[in-house]
N, C-alpha and C. Protein backbone atom coordinates (compact mmCIF):
# COMPACT_ATOMS: atom_id res chain seq x y z
N MET A 1 0.72 -1.13 0.07
CA MET A 1 -0.21 -0.03 -0.31
C MET A 1 0.74 0.96 0.12
N LYS A 2 -0.01 2.20 -1.02
CA LYS A 2 0.95 3.24 -0.96
C LYS A 2 0.35 4.64 -0.09
N ARG A 3 0.55 5.55 0.38
CA ARG A 3 0.39 6.58 0.66
C ARG A 3 0.12 7.52 -0.29
N VAL A 4 -1.00 8.31 -0.40
CA VAL A 4 -1.16 9.75 -1.43
C VAL A 4 -2.11 10.37 -1.05
N SER A 5 -2.07 11.69 -1.82
CA SER A 5 -3.01 12.22 -1.75
C SER A 5 -4.06 11.99 -3.04
N ILE A 6 -5.66 11.98 -2.82
CA ILE A 6 -6.15 12.10 -3.63
C ILE A 6 -7.36 12.53 -4.09
N VAL A 7 -7.25 13.61 -4.77
CA VAL A 7 -7.92 14.84 -5.52
C VAL A 7 -9.39 14.01 -6.15
N HIS A 8 -10.58 14.40 -5.59
CA HIS A 8 -11.42 14.49 -5.94
C HIS A 8 -12.03 16.00 -6.57
N GLY A 9 -12.77 15.66 -7.49
CA GLY A 9 -13.76 17.02 -8.46
C GLY A 9 -13.43 16.53 -9.70
N PRO A 10 -13.42 17.85 -10.49
CA PRO A 10 -14.03 19.49 -10.28
C PRO A 10 -15.45 18.91 -9.92
N TYR A 11 -16.14 19.86 -9.12
CA TYR A 11 -17.69 19.65 -8.61
C TYR A 11 -18.33 21.02 -9.21
N ASP A 12 -19.48 20.86 -9.12
CA ASP A 12 -20.41 22.22 -9.96
C ASP A 12 -21.05 23.12 -8.68
N THR A 13 -20.05 22.86 -7.64
CA THR A 13 -20.13 24.12 -6.54
C THR A 13 -19.28 25.62 -6.77
N ALA A 14 -20.04 26.19 -6.77
CA ALA A 14 -19.26 28.22 -6.41
C ALA A 14 -18.25 27.80 -5.66
N ASP A 15 -18.48 27.13 -4.33
CA ASP A 15 -17.29 27.03 -3.50
C ASP A 15 -16.20 26.68 -3.16
N VAL A 16 -16.57 25.42 -3.74
CA VAL A 16 -15.74 24.24 -3.71
C VAL A 16 -15.44 23.09 -5.18
N GLU A 17 -14.28 23.15 -5.83
CA GLU A 17 -14.17 22.84 -7.19
C GLU A 17 -13.77 21.68 -6.82
N TYR A 18 -12.35 21.40 -5.88
CA TYR A 18 -11.66 20.15 -5.95
C TYR A 18 -11.82 20.05 -4.59
N GLU A 19 -11.31 19.04 -4.04
CA GLU A 19 -10.90 18.59 -2.31
C GLU A 19 -9.97 17.37 -2.69
N THR A 20 -9.47 17.61 -1.58
CA THR A 20 -8.19 16.15 -1.40
C THR A 20 -8.55 15.56 0.06
N SER A 21 -7.84 13.96 -0.26
CA SER A 21 -7.93 13.14 1.07
C SER A 21 -6.90 12.70 0.83
N ILE A 22 -6.13 12.02 2.30
CA ILE A 22 -5.11 11.33 2.28
C ILE A 22 -5.47 10.05 2.40
N GLY A 23 -5.02 9.34 1.43
CA GLY A 23 -5.33 7.37 1.83
C GLY A 23 -4.22 7.00 0.91
N TYR A 24 -4.70 5.98 0.45
CA TYR A 24 -3.69 4.85 0.31
C TYR A 24 -4.17 4.00 -1.45
N VAL A 25 -3.10 3.98 -1.94
CA VAL A 25 -3.43 3.01 -3.69
C VAL A 25 -3.04 1.48 -2.67
N VAL A 26 -3.95 0.76 -2.73
CA VAL A 26 -4.06 -0.34 -1.93
C VAL A 26 -3.86 -1.46 -3.29
N ALA A 27 -4.15 -1.30 -4.50
CA ALA A 27 -3.77 -2.34 -5.71
C ALA A 27 -4.42 -1.70 -6.81
N GLY A 28 -3.48 -1.77 -7.59
CA GLY A 28 -3.60 -1.41 -9.25
C GLY A 28 -4.12 -0.02 -9.24
N ASN A 29 -5.35 0.00 -9.24
CA ASN A 29 -6.15 1.73 -9.47
C ASN A 29 -7.15 1.35 -8.54
N ILE A 30 -6.55 0.93 -7.10
CA ILE A 30 -8.15 1.64 -6.10
C ILE A 30 -7.36 2.07 -5.16
N GLY A 31 -8.13 3.08 -5.02
CA GLY A 31 -7.93 3.86 -3.62
C GLY A 31 -8.86 3.46 -2.41
N MET A 32 -8.14 3.69 -1.43
CA MET A 32 -9.12 3.78 -0.27
C MET A 32 -8.84 4.80 0.67
N TYR A 33 -9.72 5.74 1.47
CA TYR A 33 -9.49 6.74 2.41
C TYR A 33 -10.85 6.47 3.41
N ILE A 34 -10.32 7.36 4.47
CA ILE A 34 -11.27 7.45 5.13
C ILE A 34 -11.49 9.25 5.42
N GLN A 35 -13.07 8.90 5.69
CA GLN A 35 -13.48 10.32 5.55
C GLN A 35 -15.02 10.17 6.99
N GLU A 36 -14.44 11.05 7.76
CA GLU A 36 -15.79 11.20 9.01
C GLU A 36 -15.80 10.18 9.40
N GLY A 37 -14.84 8.88 9.62
CA GLY A 37 -15.49 7.74 10.11
C GLY A 37 -15.65 6.54 8.67
N THR A 38 -15.78 6.94 8.29
CA THR A 38 -16.39 6.17 6.77
C THR A 38 -15.11 5.83 6.21
N VAL A 39 -14.78 4.45 5.73
CA VAL A 39 -13.89 3.68 4.74
C VAL A 39 -14.53 4.06 3.53
N LEU A 40 -14.10 4.55 2.72
CA LEU A 40 -14.30 4.34 1.09
C LEU A 40 -13.26 4.05 0.25
N ALA A 41 -13.64 3.38 -0.77
CA ALA A 41 -13.06 3.03 -2.02
C ALA A 41 -12.90 3.72 -3.23
N VAL A 42 -12.39 3.91 -4.04
CA VAL A 42 -12.70 4.54 -5.02
C VAL A 42 -11.58 4.03 -6.18
N ARG A 43 -11.82 4.01 -7.36
CA ARG A 43 -11.13 4.17 -8.92
C ARG A 43 -10.01 5.20 -8.51
N VAL A 44 -8.87 5.14 -8.82
CA VAL A 44 -7.75 6.34 -8.94
C VAL A 44 -6.73 6.25 -10.65
N THR A 45 -6.59 7.15 -10.85
CA THR A 45 -5.72 7.15 -11.96
C THR A 45 -4.32 7.56 -11.32
N LYS A 46 -2.96 7.73 -12.37
CA LYS A 46 -1.89 8.38 -11.81
C LYS A 46 -1.96 9.61 -12.13
N THR A 47 -1.08 10.58 -11.76
CA THR A 47 -0.91 11.86 -12.02
C THR A 47 0.56 12.09 -12.51
N GLN A 48 1.13 12.85 -12.42
CA GLN A 48 2.64 13.10 -13.21
C GLN A 48 3.49 12.88 -11.75
N ARG A 49 2.89 13.32 -10.37
CA ARG A 49 3.54 13.25 -9.38
C ARG A 49 3.28 12.20 -8.83
N GLU A 50 4.47 11.40 -8.29
CA GLU A 50 4.12 10.05 -7.04
C GLU A 50 3.40 9.68 -6.55
N ASN A 51 3.29 10.63 -5.21
CA ASN A 51 2.45 10.62 -4.12
C ASN A 51 1.09 11.42 -4.63
N VAL A 52 0.31 11.68 -6.28
CA VAL A 52 -0.88 12.03 -5.67
C VAL A 52 -1.86 11.40 -6.70
N VAL A 53 -3.38 10.98 -6.67
CA VAL A 53 -3.88 10.35 -7.56
C VAL A 53 -5.05 10.95 -7.94
N VAL A 54 -5.74 10.97 -8.85
CA VAL A 54 -7.29 11.39 -8.91
C VAL A 54 -8.35 10.08 -9.33
N ALA A 55 -9.07 10.82 -8.50
CA ALA A 55 -10.54 9.73 -8.23
C ALA A 55 -11.27 10.01 -9.45
N LYS A 56 -11.53 8.55 -9.93
CA LYS A 56 -12.65 8.42 -11.00
C LYS A 56 -13.92 7.91 -10.58
N GLY A 57 -15.17 8.35 -11.13
CA GLY A 57 -16.20 7.55 -10.53
C GLY A 57 -16.72 7.65 -8.97
N ASN A 58 -17.90 7.05 -8.74
CA ASN A 58 -18.04 6.85 -7.74
C ASN A 58 -17.26 6.29 -6.63
N THR A 59 -17.48 6.62 -5.18
CA THR A 59 -17.00 6.14 -4.39
C THR A 59 -18.02 4.80 -3.77
N ILE A 60 -17.57 4.17 -2.99
CA ILE A 60 -18.19 2.77 -2.67
C ILE A 60 -17.57 2.85 -0.94
N THR A 61 -18.78 2.85 -0.34
CA THR A 61 -18.90 2.42 1.24
C THR A 61 -18.13 1.29 1.71
N VAL A 62 -17.09 1.08 2.62
CA VAL A 62 -16.55 -0.23 2.58
C VAL A 62 -16.96 -0.18 4.01
N GLY A 63 -16.96 0.19 5.18
CA GLY A 63 -17.43 0.29 6.57
C GLY A 63 -17.12 1.74 7.12
N GLU A 64 -17.34 1.21 8.54
CA GLU A 64 -17.18 2.29 9.40
C GLU A 64 -16.26 2.05 9.91
N THR A 65 -15.12 3.06 10.99
CA THR A 65 -14.25 2.45 11.64
C THR A 65 -14.15 3.73 12.82
N THR A 66 -12.97 3.45 13.82
CA THR A 66 -13.12 4.54 14.73
C THR A 66 -11.44 4.64 14.92
N ARG A 67 -11.06 3.49 13.91
CA ARG A 67 -9.40 3.17 14.68
C ARG A 67 -8.31 3.74 13.47
N GLY A 68 -8.68 4.19 12.97
CA GLY A 68 -7.84 4.79 11.76
C GLY A 68 -7.00 4.13 10.96
N ASP A 69 -6.19 4.52 10.15
CA ASP A 69 -5.68 3.65 8.72
C ASP A 69 -5.70 2.26 8.77
N ILE A 70 -5.36 1.96 9.96
CA ILE A 70 -5.53 0.31 10.14
C ILE A 70 -6.50 -0.48 9.38
N ALA A 71 -7.55 0.00 10.06
CA ALA A 71 -8.93 -0.65 9.11
C ALA A 71 -8.60 -0.64 7.82
N ILE A 72 -8.19 0.59 6.98
CA ILE A 72 -7.77 0.33 5.69
C ILE A 72 -6.80 -1.14 4.99
N SER A 73 -5.76 -1.44 5.87
CA SER A 73 -4.81 -2.30 5.97
C SER A 73 -5.48 -3.50 6.17
N GLU A 74 -6.66 -3.69 7.01
CA GLU A 74 -7.36 -5.30 7.48
C GLU A 74 -8.32 -5.14 6.34
N VAL A 75 -8.94 -4.27 5.77
CA VAL A 75 -9.88 -4.36 5.26
C VAL A 75 -9.10 -4.85 3.35
N TYR A 76 -8.04 -4.60 3.21
CA TYR A 76 -7.41 -4.90 1.61
C TYR A 76 -7.33 -6.61 2.44
N GLU A 77 -6.36 -6.84 3.47
CA GLU A 77 -5.76 -8.19 3.39
C GLU A 77 -7.08 -9.18 3.80
N MET A 78 -8.08 -8.43 4.00
CA MET A 78 -9.54 -9.33 4.59
C MET A 78 -9.94 -9.76 3.01
N LEU A 79 -9.97 -8.79 1.93
CA LEU A 79 -10.34 -8.73 0.73
C LEU A 79 -9.84 -9.94 -0.27
N ALA A 80 -8.46 -9.15 -0.36
CA ALA A 80 -7.18 -9.67 -1.24
C ALA A 80 -6.98 -11.19 -0.70
N GLY A 81 -7.30 -11.68 0.43
CA GLY A 81 -7.52 -13.32 0.77
C GLY A 81 -8.47 -14.21 0.79
N MET A 82 -9.53 -13.40 0.16
CA MET A 82 -10.94 -14.08 -0.49
C MET A 82 -11.17 -14.42 -2.04
N THR A 83 -11.74 -15.48 -2.57
CA THR A 83 -11.94 -15.40 -3.56
C THR A 83 -13.13 -14.48 -3.97
N GLY A 84 -13.29 -14.45 -5.35
CA GLY A 84 -14.74 -13.60 -5.67
C GLY A 84 -15.59 -14.32 -5.44
N PHE A 85 -16.10 -15.90 -5.48
CA PHE A 85 -17.13 -16.48 -4.99
C PHE A 85 -17.58 -16.11 -3.60
N ASP A 86 -16.56 -16.15 -2.74
CA ASP A 86 -16.43 -15.87 -1.36
C ASP A 86 -17.44 -14.60 -0.94
N PHE A 87 -16.73 -13.43 -1.54
CA PHE A 87 -16.83 -12.11 -1.72
C PHE A 87 -18.72 -12.04 -2.12
N PHE A 88 -19.02 -12.57 -3.45
CA PHE A 88 -20.37 -12.53 -3.87
C PHE A 88 -21.38 -13.39 -2.44
N ALA A 89 -21.01 -14.62 -2.25
CA ALA A 89 -21.58 -15.27 -1.08
C ALA A 89 -22.23 -14.24 0.38
N ARG A 90 -20.58 -14.04 0.48
CA ARG A 90 -20.92 -13.37 2.09
C ARG A 90 -21.64 -11.97 1.88
N TYR A 91 -21.27 -11.26 1.10
CA TYR A 91 -21.43 -9.70 1.01
C TYR A 91 -22.63 -9.33 0.06
N ILE A 92 -22.23 -10.13 -1.29
CA ILE A 92 -23.45 -9.43 -1.91
C ILE A 92 -25.05 -10.25 -1.55
N VAL A 93 -24.95 -11.79 -2.02
CA VAL A 93 -26.28 -12.60 -1.77
C VAL A 93 -26.72 -12.65 -0.39
N ALA A 94 -26.18 -12.43 0.55
CA ALA A 94 -26.20 -11.76 2.28
C ALA A 94 -27.30 -10.88 2.42
N SER A 95 -26.66 -9.96 1.38
CA SER A 95 -27.05 -8.74 1.73
C SER A 95 -28.67 -8.25 1.30
N ASP A 96 -29.11 -7.61 2.06
CA ASP A 96 -30.39 -7.17 1.61
C ASP A 96 -30.31 -6.00 0.61
N GLN A 97 -29.42 -5.77 0.40
CA GLN A 97 -29.31 -4.35 -0.56
C GLN A 97 -29.29 -5.04 -2.55
N ASP A 98 -30.42 -4.43 -2.92
CA ASP A 98 -30.25 -4.48 -4.40
C ASP A 98 -29.08 -4.51 -5.22
N ALA A 99 -28.65 -5.47 -5.87
CA ALA A 99 -27.06 -5.42 -6.64
C ALA A 99 -27.18 -5.77 -7.85
N ASP A 100 -27.09 -5.02 -9.31
CA ASP A 100 -26.63 -5.45 -10.88
C ASP A 100 -25.42 -5.71 -10.89
N PHE A 101 -25.23 -7.23 -11.87
CA PHE A 101 -24.30 -7.09 -12.54
C PHE A 101 -24.69 -7.43 -13.73
N ASN A 102 -23.52 -7.80 -14.25
CA ASN A 102 -23.79 -8.43 -15.91
C ASN A 102 -22.56 -9.51 -16.18
N LEU A 103 -22.93 -10.49 -15.70
CA LEU A 103 -21.55 -11.55 -15.13
C LEU A 103 -21.37 -12.70 -16.60
N THR A 104 -23.03 -12.72 -17.13
CA THR A 104 -23.18 -13.37 -18.39
C THR A 104 -22.02 -13.32 -19.41
N LYS A 105 -22.02 -14.26 -20.26
CA LYS A 105 -21.45 -14.24 -21.45
C LYS A 105 -22.46 -13.77 -22.47
């Protein structure tokens, strides 16, 4: 995991165009950060600066924490050690939330 600044925006508001969060690139193009006790994941792209990435697309709420950055490491290790089917069965099928996928050929 690499500690980075994650740039969010631009936004369509006059008072805030861009925001930054301190977070981590946990794998490839996946960034994770904590905002007000919520662990969030987002797709990121590299910039010319080694320690700055840009958030692309929507964020995914991963969970709540009061323990700081250690929660990001723990979530990453848990997910990286799981099969796709384990994740699907444990978190998607068992959830009472709707989810749409296109997994068929």
